[in-house]
Amino acid sequence: TCRMEKSTPRCVPTTRTCQDLTCPPGSTCQMEKSTPRCVPKAPSCQDLTCPPGSTCQMDRTTPRCVPVKLTCQDLTCPPGSTCQDLPCPPGRTCRPTCAPAPPLVCHVLSRR
């Protein structure tokens, strides 16, 4: 670009910024010293589509699909049964189940 120094026009280099640079998908612009550079973007959950029944969680710096932990609030049991959310061993994915409801006995009915 041209700039006037006192009464003399001088050509000076244009300072480039990230606005002057178009980076390819998966990268972003960062200024290194006074030069714009395209650098890889850190992956995030926005970059990952998980299958149904799973959700994305960051594992340190890596997005991963993990199973959604279901609870009895996610399950509708048929009449005459109740939901049981059984304890699950570490490292396993367990689901709540519908089990027959215990029969009503006289001392339970008298509380109503």
PDB file of N, CA and C in Angstrom:
ATOM      1  N   THR A   1       0.845  -1.169   0.000  1.00  0.00           N
ATOM      2  CA  THR A   1       0.000   0.000   0.000  1.00  0.00           C
ATOM      3  C   THR A   1       0.892   1.235   0.000  1.00  0.00           C
ATOM      4  N   CYS A   2       0.363   2.336  -0.372  1.00  0.00           N
ATOM      5  CA  CYS A   2       1.144   3.569  -0.482  1.00  0.00           C
ATOM      6  C   CYS A   2       0.849   4.453   0.729  1.00  0.00           C
ATOM      7  N   ARG A   3       1.912   5.026   1.294  1.00  0.00           N
ATOM      8  CA  ARG A   3       1.772   5.909   2.450  1.00  0.00           C
ATOM      9  C   ARG A   3       2.686   7.121   2.245  1.00  0.00           C
ATOM     10  N   MET A   4       2.201   8.249   2.658  1.00  0.00           N
ATOM     11  CA  MET A   4       3.012   9.468   2.538  1.00  0.00           C
ATOM     12  C   MET A   4       3.933   9.577   3.749  1.00  0.00           C
ATOM     13  N   GLU A   5       5.209   9.742   3.487  1.00  0.00           N
ATOM     14  CA  GLU A   5       6.182  10.015   4.537  1.00  0.00           C
ATOM     15  C   GLU A   5       6.741  11.400   4.237  1.00  0.00           C
ATOM     16  N   LYS A   6       6.394  12.360   5.104  1.00  0.00           N
ATOM     17  CA  LYS A   6       6.680  13.783   4.849  1.00  0.00           C
ATOM     18  C   LYS A   6       5.984  14.146   3.537  1.00  0.00           C
ATOM     19  N   SER A   7       6.677  14.449   2.531  1.00  0.00           N
ATOM     20  CA  SER A   7       6.020  14.806   1.268  1.00  0.00           C
ATOM     21  C   SER A   7       6.284  13.781   0.174  1.00  0.00           C
ATOM     22  N   THR A   8       6.819  12.597   0.565  1.00  0.00           N
ATOM     23  CA  THR A   8       7.174  11.588  -0.423  1.00  0.00           C
ATOM     24  C   THR A   8       6.296  10.346  -0.266  1.00  0.00           C
ATOM     25  N   PRO A   9       5.676   9.886  -1.364  1.00  0.00           N
ATOM     26  CA  PRO A   9       4.911   8.638  -1.268  1.00  0.00           C
ATOM     27  C   PRO A   9       5.857   7.435  -1.177  1.00  0.00           C
ATOM     28  N   ARG A  10       5.535   6.524  -0.269  1.00  0.00           N
ATOM     29  CA  ARG A  10       6.352   5.309  -0.103  1.00  0.00           C
ATOM     30  C   ARG A  10       5.445   4.085  -0.122  1.00  0.00           C
ATOM     31  N   CYS A  11       5.960   3.029  -0.736  1.00  0.00           N
ATOM     32  CA  CYS A  11       5.235   1.752  -0.710  1.00  0.00           C
ATOM     33  C   CYS A  11       5.646   1.015   0.562  1.00  0.00           C
ATOM     34  N   VAL A  12       4.655   0.575   1.322  1.00  0.00           N
ATOM     35  CA  VAL A  12       4.920  -0.191   2.545  1.00  0.00           C
ATOM     36  C   VAL A  12       4.104  -1.474   2.481  1.00  0.00           C
ATOM     37  N   PRO A  13       4.638  -2.571   3.057  1.00  0.00           N
ATOM     38  CA  PRO A  13       3.873  -3.827   3.007  1.00  0.00           C
ATOM     39  C   PRO A  13       2.578  -3.720   3.812  1.00  0.00           C
ATOM     40  N   THR A  14       1.556  -4.364   3.308  1.00  0.00           N
ATOM     41  CA  THR A  14       0.270  -4.392   3.990  1.00  0.00           C
ATOM     42  C   THR A  14       0.325  -5.412   5.127  1.00  0.00           C
ATOM     43  N   THR A  15      -0.183  -5.032   6.268  1.00  0.00           N
ATOM     44  CA  THR A  15      -0.244  -5.956   7.397  1.00  0.00           C
ATOM     45  C   THR A  15      -1.452  -6.862   7.200  1.00  0.00           C
ATOM     46  N   ARG A  16      -1.199  -8.166   7.127  1.00  0.00           N
ATOM     47  CA  ARG A  16      -2.295  -9.123   6.918  1.00  0.00           C
ATOM     48  C   ARG A  16      -2.870  -9.539   8.261  1.00  0.00           C
ATOM     49  N   THR A  17      -4.163  -9.835   8.248  1.00  0.00           N
ATOM     50  CA  THR A  17      -4.852 -10.314   9.453  1.00  0.00           C
ATOM     51  C   THR A  17      -5.629 -11.580   9.094  1.00  0.00           C
ATOM     52  N   CYS A  18      -6.254 -12.176  10.087  1.00  0.00           N
ATOM     53  CA  CYS A  18      -7.079 -13.370   9.841  1.00  0.00           C
ATOM     54  C   CYS A  18      -8.264 -13.060   8.931  1.00  0.00           C
ATOM     55  N   GLN A  19      -8.660 -11.801   8.858  1.00  0.00           N
ATOM     56  CA  GLN A  19      -9.760 -11.441   7.966  1.00  0.00           C
ATOM     57  C   GLN A  19      -9.353 -11.579   6.503  1.00  0.00           C
ATOM     58  N   ASP A  20      -8.052 -11.571   6.241  1.00  0.00           N
ATOM     59  CA  ASP A  20      -7.555 -11.701   4.860  1.00  0.00           C
ATOM     60  C   ASP A  20      -7.345 -13.156   4.451  1.00  0.00           C
ATOM     61  N   LEU A  21      -7.537 -14.087   5.359  1.00  0.00           N
ATOM     62  CA  LEU A  21      -7.197 -15.489   5.112  1.00  0.00           C
ATOM     63  C   LEU A  21      -8.440 -16.363   5.213  1.00  0.00           C
ATOM     64  N   THR A  22      -8.635 -17.250   4.240  1.00  0.00           N
ATOM     65  CA  THR A  22      -9.739 -18.214   4.295  1.00  0.00           C
ATOM     66  C   THR A  22      -9.129 -19.579   4.588  1.00  0.00           C
ATOM     67  N   CYS A  23      -9.492 -20.135   5.742  1.00  0.00           N
ATOM     68  CA  CYS A  23      -8.946 -21.437   6.152  1.00  0.00           C
ATOM     69  C   CYS A  23      -9.859 -22.563   5.696  1.00  0.00           C
ATOM     70  N   PRO A  24      -9.283 -23.740   5.396  1.00  0.00           N
ATOM     71  CA  PRO A  24     -10.112 -24.884   4.984  1.00  0.00           C
ATOM     72  C   PRO A  24     -10.922 -25.421   6.157  1.00  0.00           C
ATOM     73  N   PRO A  25     -11.977 -26.195   5.871  1.00  0.00           N
ATOM     74  CA  PRO A  25     -12.773 -26.787   6.952  1.00  0.00           C
ATOM     75  C   PRO A  25     -11.884 -27.592   7.905  1.00  0.00           C
ATOM     76  N   GLY A  26     -12.223 -27.515   9.192  1.00  0.00           N
ATOM     77  CA  GLY A  26     -11.451 -28.244  10.198  1.00  0.00           C
ATOM     78  C   GLY A  26     -10.263 -27.451  10.709  1.00  0.00           C
ATOM     79  N   SER A  27     -10.114 -26.212  10.221  1.00  0.00           N
ATOM     80  CA  SER A  27      -9.020 -25.377  10.720  1.00  0.00           C
ATOM     81  C   SER A  27      -9.548 -23.975  10.992  1.00  0.00           C
ATOM     82  N   THR A  28      -8.760 -23.208  11.711  1.00  0.00           N
ATOM     83  CA  THR A  28      -9.130 -21.848  12.060  1.00  0.00           C
ATOM     84  C   THR A  28      -7.882 -20.984  11.965  1.00  0.00           C
ATOM     85  N   CYS A  29      -8.077 -19.693  11.842  1.00  0.00           N
ATOM     86  CA  CYS A  29      -6.951 -18.785  11.710  1.00  0.00           C
ATOM     87  C   CYS A  29      -6.470 -18.315  13.078  1.00  0.00           C
ATOM     88  N   GLN A  30      -5.160 -18.299  13.241  1.00  0.00           N
ATOM     89  CA  GLN A  30      -4.540 -17.742  14.439  1.00  0.00           C
ATOM     90  C   GLN A  30      -3.379 -16.875  13.994  1.00  0.00           C
ATOM     91  N   MET A  31      -3.189 -15.782  14.692  1.00  0.00           N
ATOM     92  CA  MET A  31      -2.047 -14.917  14.401  1.00  0.00           C
ATOM     93  C   MET A  31      -0.825 -15.493  15.107  1.00  0.00           C
ATOM     94  N   GLU A  32       0.230 -15.732  14.351  1.00  0.00           N
ATOM     95  CA  GLU A  32       1.507 -16.159  14.917  1.00  0.00           C
ATOM     96  C   GLU A  32       2.484 -15.036  14.655  1.00  0.00           C
ATOM     97  N   LYS A  33       2.889 -14.363  15.745  1.00  0.00           N
ATOM     98  CA  LYS A  33       3.658 -13.114  15.645  1.00  0.00           C
ATOM     99  C   LYS A  33       2.784 -12.135  14.876  1.00  0.00           C
ATOM    100  N   SER A  34       3.137 -11.741  13.688  1.00  0.00           N
ATOM    101  CA  SER A  34       2.285 -10.809  12.942  1.00  0.00           C
ATOM    102  C   SER A  34       1.755 -11.441  11.652  1.00  0.00           C
ATOM    103  N   THR A  35       1.774 -12.787  11.605  1.00  0.00           N
ATOM    104  CA  THR A  35       1.356 -13.490  10.393  1.00  0.00           C
ATOM    105  C   THR A  35       0.138 -14.371  10.673  1.00  0.00           C
ATOM    106  N   PRO A  36      -0.917 -14.256   9.857  1.00  0.00           N
ATOM    107  CA  PRO A  36      -2.070 -15.144  10.046  1.00  0.00           C
ATOM    108  C   PRO A  36      -1.757 -16.551   9.527  1.00  0.00           C
ATOM    109  N   ARG A  37      -2.129 -17.570  10.278  1.00  0.00           N
ATOM    110  CA  ARG A  37      -1.877 -18.969   9.887  1.00  0.00           C
ATOM    111  C   ARG A  37      -3.140 -19.799  10.136  1.00  0.00           C
ATOM    112  N   CYS A  38      -3.376 -20.788   9.254  1.00  0.00           N
ATOM    113  CA  CYS A  38      -4.453 -21.757   9.471  1.00  0.00           C
ATOM    114  C   CYS A  38      -3.899 -22.888  10.336  1.00  0.00           C
ATOM    115  N   VAL A  39      -4.586 -23.162  11.424  1.00  0.00           N
ATOM    116  CA  VAL A  39      -4.169 -24.245  12.321  1.00  0.00           C
ATOM    117  C   VAL A  39      -5.364 -25.180  12.524  1.00  0.00           C
ATOM    118  N   PRO A  40      -5.116 -26.483  12.757  1.00  0.00           N
ATOM    119  CA  PRO A  40      -6.229 -27.421  12.957  1.00  0.00           C
ATOM    120  C   PRO A  40      -7.052 -27.023  14.183  1.00  0.00           C
ATOM    121  N   LYS A  41      -8.368 -27.154  14.045  1.00  0.00           N
ATOM    122  CA  LYS A  41      -9.256 -26.891  15.176  1.00  0.00           C
ATOM    123  C   LYS A  41      -9.237 -28.087  16.111  1.00  0.00           C
ATOM    124  N   ALA A  42      -9.310 -27.811  17.400  1.00  0.00           N
ATOM    125  CA  ALA A  42      -9.444 -28.898  18.369  1.00  0.00           C
ATOM    126  C   ALA A  42     -10.833 -29.516  18.180  1.00  0.00           C
ATOM    127  N   PRO A  43     -10.931 -30.852  18.095  1.00  0.00           N
ATOM    128  CA  PRO A  43     -12.254 -31.469  17.910  1.00  0.00           C
ATOM    129  C   PRO A  43     -13.139 -31.224  19.128  1.00  0.00           C
ATOM    130  N   SER A  44     -14.436 -31.135  18.873  1.00  0.00           N
ATOM    131  CA  SER A  44     -15.395 -30.931  19.963  1.00  0.00           C
ATOM    132  C   SER A  44     -16.636 -31.782  19.688  1.00  0.00           C
ATOM    133  N   CYS A  45     -17.544 -31.795  20.635  1.00  0.00           N
ATOM    134  CA  CYS A  45     -18.784 -32.562  20.466  1.00  0.00           C
ATOM    135  C   CYS A  45     -19.633 -31.998  19.323  1.00  0.00           C
ATOM    136  N   GLN A  46     -19.407 -30.763  18.932  1.00  0.00           N
ATOM    137  CA  GLN A  46     -20.148 -30.195  17.800  1.00  0.00           C
ATOM    138  C   GLN A  46     -19.754 -30.874  16.487  1.00  0.00           C
ATOM    139  N   ASP A  47     -18.572 -31.506  16.466  1.00  0.00           N
ATOM    140  CA  ASP A  47     -18.092 -32.159  15.246  1.00  0.00           C
ATOM    141  C   ASP A  47     -18.518 -33.622  15.156  1.00  0.00           C
ATOM    142  N   LEU A  48     -19.210 -34.132  16.169  1.00  0.00           N
ATOM    143  CA  LEU A  48     -19.516 -35.565  16.245  1.00  0.00           C
ATOM    144  C   LEU A  48     -21.026 -35.785  16.308  1.00  0.00           C
ATOM    145  N   THR A  49     -21.527 -36.704  15.499  1.00  0.00           N
ATOM    146  CA  THR A  49     -22.938 -37.085  15.553  1.00  0.00           C
ATOM    147  C   THR A  49     -23.004 -38.480  16.155  1.00  0.00           C
ATOM    148  N   CYS A  50     -23.635 -38.577  17.317  1.00  0.00           N
ATOM    149  CA  CYS A  50     -23.730 -39.865  18.022  1.00  0.00           C
ATOM    150  C   CYS A  50     -25.011 -40.591  17.624  1.00  0.00           C
ATOM    151  N   PRO A  51     -24.977 -41.938  17.620  1.00  0.00           N
ATOM    152  CA  PRO A  51     -26.186 -42.704  17.295  1.00  0.00           C
ATOM    153  C   PRO A  51     -27.225 -42.571  18.406  1.00  0.00           C
ATOM    154  N   PRO A  52     -28.485 -42.896  18.100  1.00  0.00           N
ATOM    155  CA  PRO A  52     -29.526 -42.847  19.125  1.00  0.00           C
ATOM    156  C   PRO A  52     -29.144 -43.699  20.338  1.00  0.00           C
ATOM    157  N   GLY A  53     -29.500 -43.215  21.519  1.00  0.00           N
ATOM    158  CA  GLY A  53     -29.183 -43.943  22.749  1.00  0.00           C
ATOM    159  C   GLY A  53     -27.812 -43.605  23.298  1.00  0.00           C
ATOM    160  N   SER A  54     -27.124 -42.679  22.627  1.00  0.00           N
ATOM    161  CA  SER A  54     -25.815 -42.264  23.139  1.00  0.00           C
ATOM    162  C   SER A  54     -25.699 -40.750  23.033  1.00  0.00           C
ATOM    163  N   THR A  55     -24.728 -40.207  23.736  1.00  0.00           N
ATOM    164  CA  THR A  55     -24.486 -38.774  23.743  1.00  0.00           C
ATOM    165  C   THR A  55     -22.985 -38.532  23.704  1.00  0.00           C
ATOM    166  N   CYS A  56     -22.593 -37.343  23.334  1.00  0.00           N
ATOM    167  CA  CYS A  56     -21.171 -37.026  23.236  1.00  0.00           C
ATOM    168  C   CYS A  56     -20.646 -36.496  24.559  1.00  0.00           C
ATOM    169  N   GLN A  57     -19.470 -36.979  24.944  1.00  0.00           N
ATOM    170  CA  GLN A  57     -18.756 -36.474  26.111  1.00  0.00           C
ATOM    171  C   GLN A  57     -17.297 -36.311  25.718  1.00  0.00           C
ATOM    172  N   MET A  58     -16.655 -35.284  26.250  1.00  0.00           N
ATOM    173  CA  MET A  58     -15.237 -35.080  25.984  1.00  0.00           C
ATOM    174  C   MET A  58     -14.419 -35.987  26.890  1.00  0.00           C
ATOM    175  N   ASP A  59     -13.511 -36.738  26.287  1.00  0.00           N
ATOM    176  CA  ASP A  59     -12.569 -37.587  27.017  1.00  0.00           C
ATOM    177  C   ASP A  59     -11.211 -36.894  26.872  1.00  0.00           C
ATOM    178  N   ARG A  60     -10.895 -36.048  27.850  1.00  0.00           N
ATOM    179  CA  ARG A  60      -9.741 -35.136  27.779  1.00  0.00           C
ATOM    180  C   ARG A  60      -9.934 -34.206  26.587  1.00  0.00           C
ATOM    181  N   THR A  61      -9.259 -34.462  25.469  1.00  0.00           N
ATOM    182  CA  THR A  61      -9.394 -33.567  24.308  1.00  0.00           C
ATOM    183  C   THR A  61     -10.100 -34.233  23.137  1.00  0.00           C
ATOM    184  N   THR A  62     -10.670 -35.433  23.354  1.00  0.00           N
ATOM    185  CA  THR A  62     -11.296 -36.189  22.264  1.00  0.00           C
ATOM    186  C   THR A  62     -12.789 -36.371  22.530  1.00  0.00           C
ATOM    187  N   PRO A  63     -13.646 -35.991  21.566  1.00  0.00           N
ATOM    188  CA  PRO A  63     -15.078 -36.253  21.747  1.00  0.00           C
ATOM    189  C   PRO A  63     -15.385 -37.733  21.525  1.00  0.00           C
ATOM    190  N   ARG A  64     -16.227 -38.304  22.390  1.00  0.00           N
ATOM    191  CA  ARG A  64     -16.593 -39.727  22.272  1.00  0.00           C
ATOM    192  C   ARG A  64     -18.102 -39.883  22.504  1.00  0.00           C
ATOM    193  N   CYS A  65     -18.677 -40.867  21.792  1.00  0.00           N
ATOM    194  CA  CYS A  65     -20.084 -41.213  22.018  1.00  0.00           C
ATOM    195  C   CYS A  65     -20.143 -42.222  23.163  1.00  0.00           C
ATOM    196  N   VAL A  66     -20.975 -41.928  24.154  1.00  0.00           N
ATOM    197  CA  VAL A  66     -21.138 -42.831  25.297  1.00  0.00           C
ATOM    198  C   VAL A  66     -22.627 -43.122  25.455  1.00  0.00           C
ATOM    199  N   PRO A  67     -22.972 -44.325  25.946  1.00  0.00           N
ATOM    200  CA  PRO A  67     -24.388 -44.654  26.127  1.00  0.00           C
ATOM    201  C   PRO A  67     -25.047 -43.701  27.126  1.00  0.00           C
ATOM    202  N   VAL A  68     -26.299 -43.359  26.848  1.00  0.00           N
ATOM    203  CA  VAL A  68     -27.076 -42.534  27.767  1.00  0.00           C
ATOM    204  C   VAL A  68     -27.516 -43.408  28.924  1.00  0.00           C
ATOM    205  N   LYS A  69     -27.321 -42.941  30.147  1.00  0.00           N
ATOM    206  CA  LYS A  69     -27.747 -43.706  31.318  1.00  0.00           C
ATOM    207  C   LYS A  69     -29.242 -43.512  31.488  1.00  0.00           C
ATOM    208  N   LEU A  70     -29.994 -44.582  31.298  1.00  0.00           N
ATOM    209  CA  LEU A  70     -31.447 -44.520  31.452  1.00  0.00           C
ATOM    210  C   LEU A  70     -31.822 -44.710  32.914  1.00  0.00           C
ATOM    211  N   THR A  71     -32.900 -44.067  33.327  1.00  0.00           N
ATOM    212  CA  THR A  71     -33.425 -44.223  34.684  1.00  0.00           C
ATOM    213  C   THR A  71     -34.899 -44.609  34.575  1.00  0.00           C
ATOM    214  N   CYS A  72     -35.510 -44.874  35.710  1.00  0.00           N
ATOM    215  CA  CYS A  72     -36.937 -45.231  35.710  1.00  0.00           C
ATOM    216  C   CYS A  72     -37.798 -44.089  35.171  1.00  0.00           C
ATOM    217  N   GLN A  73     -37.290 -42.855  35.193  1.00  0.00           N
ATOM    218  CA  GLN A  73     -38.047 -41.732  34.629  1.00  0.00           C
ATOM    219  C   GLN A  73     -38.158 -41.840  33.110  1.00  0.00           C
ATOM    220  N   ASP A  74     -37.262 -42.607  32.485  1.00  0.00           N
ATOM    221  CA  ASP A  74     -37.281 -42.776  31.031  1.00  0.00           C
ATOM    222  C   ASP A  74     -38.118 -43.971  30.577  1.00  0.00           C
ATOM    223  N   LEU A  75     -38.640 -44.738  31.521  1.00  0.00           N
ATOM    224  CA  LEU A  75     -39.327 -45.987  31.192  1.00  0.00           C
ATOM    225  C   LEU A  75     -40.779 -45.934  31.656  1.00  0.00           C
ATOM    226  N   THR A  76     -41.696 -46.340  30.783  1.00  0.00           N
ATOM    227  CA  THR A  76     -43.108 -46.434  31.149  1.00  0.00           C
ATOM    228  C   THR A  76     -43.460 -47.906  31.264  1.00  0.00           C
ATOM    229  N   CYS A  77     -43.806 -48.315  32.470  1.00  0.00           N
ATOM    230  CA  CYS A  77     -44.142 -49.723  32.705  1.00  0.00           C
ATOM    231  C   CYS A  77     -45.640 -49.932  32.542  1.00  0.00           C
ATOM    232  N   PRO A  78     -46.027 -51.134  32.088  1.00  0.00           N
ATOM    233  CA  PRO A  78     -47.459 -51.419  31.940  1.00  0.00           C
ATOM    234  C   PRO A  78     -48.132 -51.513  33.309  1.00  0.00           C
ATOM    235  N   PRO A  79     -49.467 -51.378  33.329  1.00  0.00           N
ATOM    236  CA  PRO A  79     -50.189 -51.501  34.598  1.00  0.00           C
ATOM    237  C   PRO A  79     -49.875 -52.836  35.277  1.00  0.00           C
ATOM    238  N   GLY A  80     -49.773 -52.804  36.585  1.00  0.00           N
ATOM    239  CA  GLY A  80     -49.491 -54.020  37.343  1.00  0.00           C
ATOM    240  C   GLY A  80     -47.997 -54.288  37.484  1.00  0.00           C
ATOM    241  N   SER A  81     -47.167 -53.376  36.980  1.00  0.00           N
ATOM    242  CA  SER A  81     -45.729 -53.553  37.143  1.00  0.00           C
ATOM    243  C   SER A  81     -45.107 -52.226  37.572  1.00  0.00           C
ATOM    244  N   THR A  82     -43.909 -52.310  38.097  1.00  0.00           N
ATOM    245  CA  THR A  82     -43.180 -51.114  38.516  1.00  0.00           C
ATOM    246  C   THR A  82     -41.768 -51.170  37.944  1.00  0.00           C
ATOM    247  N   CYS A  83     -41.167 -50.019  37.887  1.00  0.00           N
ATOM    248  CA  CYS A  83     -39.808 -49.934  37.360  1.00  0.00           C
ATOM    249  C   CYS A  83     -38.810 -50.242  38.468  1.00  0.00           C
ATOM    250  N   GLN A  84     -37.800 -51.011  38.113  1.00  0.00           N
ATOM    251  CA  GLN A  84     -36.712 -51.302  39.052  1.00  0.00           C
ATOM    252  C   GLN A  84     -35.409 -50.827  38.427  1.00  0.00           C
ATOM    253  N   ASP A  85     -34.709 -49.962  39.141  1.00  0.00           N
ATOM    254  CA  ASP A  85     -33.416 -49.460  38.691  1.00  0.00           C
ATOM    255  C   ASP A  85     -32.358 -50.185  39.510  1.00  0.00           C
ATOM    256  N   LEU A  86     -31.913 -51.322  38.991  1.00  0.00           N
ATOM    257  CA  LEU A  86     -30.993 -52.171  39.744  1.00  0.00           C
ATOM    258  C   LEU A  86     -29.583 -51.609  39.727  1.00  0.00           C
ATOM    259  N   PRO A  87     -28.806 -51.842  40.803  1.00  0.00           N
ATOM    260  CA  PRO A  87     -27.415 -51.378  40.805  1.00  0.00           C
ATOM    261  C   PRO A  87     -26.632 -52.021  39.663  1.00  0.00           C
ATOM    262  N   CYS A  88     -25.697 -51.271  39.131  1.00  0.00           N
ATOM    263  CA  CYS A  88     -24.941 -51.728  37.967  1.00  0.00           C
ATOM    264  C   CYS A  88     -23.463 -51.833  38.335  1.00  0.00           C
ATOM    265  N   PRO A  89     -22.811 -52.937  37.965  1.00  0.00           N
ATOM    266  CA  PRO A  89     -21.374 -53.054  38.236  1.00  0.00           C
ATOM    267  C   PRO A  89     -20.590 -51.969  37.496  1.00  0.00           C
ATOM    268  N   PRO A  90     -19.480 -51.508  38.064  1.00  0.00           N
ATOM    269  CA  PRO A  90     -18.681 -50.476  37.398  1.00  0.00           C
ATOM    270  C   PRO A  90     -18.237 -50.923  36.006  1.00  0.00           C
ATOM    271  N   GLY A  91     -18.295 -49.971  35.064  1.00  0.00           N
ATOM    272  CA  GLY A  91     -17.855 -50.261  33.701  1.00  0.00           C
ATOM    273  C   GLY A  91     -18.912 -50.889  32.814  1.00  0.00           C
ATOM    274  N   ARG A  92     -20.093 -51.220  33.374  1.00  0.00           N
ATOM    275  CA  ARG A  92     -21.167 -51.817  32.570  1.00  0.00           C
ATOM    276  C   ARG A  92     -22.297 -50.819  32.403  1.00  0.00           C
ATOM    277  N   THR A  93     -23.062 -50.981  31.347  1.00  0.00           N
ATOM    278  CA  THR A  93     -24.241 -50.155  31.111  1.00  0.00           C
ATOM    279  C   THR A  93     -25.465 -51.000  31.400  1.00  0.00           C
ATOM    280  N   CYS A  94     -26.232 -50.610  32.410  1.00  0.00           N
ATOM    281  CA  CYS A  94     -27.437 -51.360  32.783  1.00  0.00           C
ATOM    282  C   CYS A  94     -28.656 -50.492  32.506  1.00  0.00           C
ATOM    283  N   ARG A  95     -29.768 -51.150  32.300  1.00  0.00           N
ATOM    284  CA  ARG A  95     -31.018 -50.445  32.013  1.00  0.00           C
ATOM    285  C   ARG A  95     -32.051 -50.802  33.079  1.00  0.00           C
ATOM    286  N   PRO A  96     -32.923 -49.849  33.391  1.00  0.00           N
ATOM    287  CA  PRO A  96     -34.009 -50.170  34.314  1.00  0.00           C
ATOM    288  C   PRO A  96     -34.970 -51.164  33.645  1.00  0.00           C
ATOM    289  N   THR A  97     -35.650 -51.962  34.451  1.00  0.00           N
ATOM    290  CA  THR A  97     -36.580 -52.950  33.909  1.00  0.00           C
ATOM    291  C   THR A  97     -37.922 -52.850  34.620  1.00  0.00           C
ATOM    292  N   CYS A  98     -38.945 -53.347  33.947  1.00  0.00           N
ATOM    293  CA  CYS A  98     -40.282 -53.418  34.543  1.00  0.00           C
ATOM    294  C   CYS A  98     -40.423 -54.791  35.195  1.00  0.00           C
ATOM    295  N   ALA A  99     -40.893 -54.799  36.422  1.00  0.00           N
ATOM    296  CA  ALA A  99     -41.094 -56.050  37.156  1.00  0.00           C
ATOM    297  C   ALA A  99     -42.515 -56.047  37.714  1.00  0.00           C
ATOM    298  N   PRO A 100     -43.090 -57.234  37.907  1.00  0.00           N
ATOM    299  CA  PRO A 100     -44.443 -57.274  38.484  1.00  0.00           C
ATOM    300  C   PRO A 100     -44.460 -56.528  39.813  1.00  0.00           C
ATOM    301  N   ALA A 101     -45.523 -55.748  40.006  1.00  0.00           N
ATOM    302  CA  ALA A 101     -45.667 -55.011  41.263  1.00  0.00           C
ATOM    303  C   ALA A 101     -45.954 -55.993  42.386  1.00  0.00           C
ATOM    304  N   PRO A 102     -45.425 -55.730  43.584  1.00  0.00           N
ATOM    305  CA  PRO A 102     -45.721 -56.629  44.700  1.00  0.00           C
ATOM    306  C   PRO A 102     -47.221 -56.584  45.009  1.00  0.00           C
ATOM    307  N   PRO A 103     -47.775 -57.721  45.416  1.00  0.00           N
ATOM    308  CA  PRO A 103     -49.219 -57.733  45.706  1.00  0.00           C
ATOM    309  C   PRO A 103     -49.516 -56.843  46.915  1.00  0.00           C
ATOM    310  N   LEU A 104     -50.712 -56.237  46.868  1.00  0.00           N
ATOM    311  CA  LEU A 104     -51.143 -55.423  48.005  1.00  0.00           C
ATOM    312  C   LEU A 104     -51.608 -56.347  49.121  1.00  0.00           C
ATOM    313  N   VAL A 105     -51.222 -56.023  50.332  1.00  0.00           N
ATOM    314  CA  VAL A 105     -51.675 -56.796  51.493  1.00  0.00           C
ATOM    315  C   VAL A 105     -52.441 -55.859  52.402  1.00  0.00           C
ATOM    316  N   CYS A 106     -53.160 -56.415  53.351  1.00  0.00           N
ATOM    317  CA  CYS A 106     -54.080 -55.623  54.181  1.00  0.00           C
ATOM    318  C   CYS A 106     -53.393 -54.450  54.871  1.00  0.00           C
ATOM    319  N   HIS A 107     -52.176 -54.619  55.420  1.00  0.00           N
ATOM    320  CA  HIS A 107     -51.576 -53.488  56.132  1.00  0.00           C
ATOM    321  C   HIS A 107     -51.195 -52.350  55.182  1.00  0.00           C
ATOM    322  N   VAL A 108     -50.964 -52.631  53.873  1.00  0.00           N
ATOM    323  CA  VAL A 108     -50.702 -51.580  52.911  1.00  0.00           C
ATOM    324  C   VAL A 108     -51.992 -50.851  52.573  1.00  0.00           C
ATOM    325  N   LEU A 109     -53.093 -51.587  52.436  1.00  0.00           N
ATOM    326  CA  LEU A 109     -54.372 -50.985  52.104  1.00  0.00           C
ATOM    327  C   LEU A 109     -54.881 -50.100  53.243  1.00  0.00           C
ATOM    328  N   SER A 110     -54.570 -50.446  54.488  1.00  0.00           N
ATOM    329  CA  SER A 110     -55.085 -49.672  55.621  1.00  0.00           C
ATOM    330  C   SER A 110     -54.383 -48.328  55.734  1.00  0.00           C
ATOM    331  N   ARG A 111     -53.250 -48.117  55.057  1.00  0.00           N
ATOM    332  CA  ARG A 111     -52.542 -46.827  55.088  1.00  0.00           C
ATOM    333  C   ARG A 111     -53.177 -45.801  54.174  1.00  0.00           C
ATOM    334  N   ARG A 112     -54.019 -46.227  53.291  1.00  0.00           N
ATOM    335  CA  ARG A 112     -54.615 -45.292  52.320  1.00  0.00           C
ATOM    336  C   ARG A 112     -55.621 -44.453  52.951  1.00  0.00           C
TER     337      ARG A 112
END
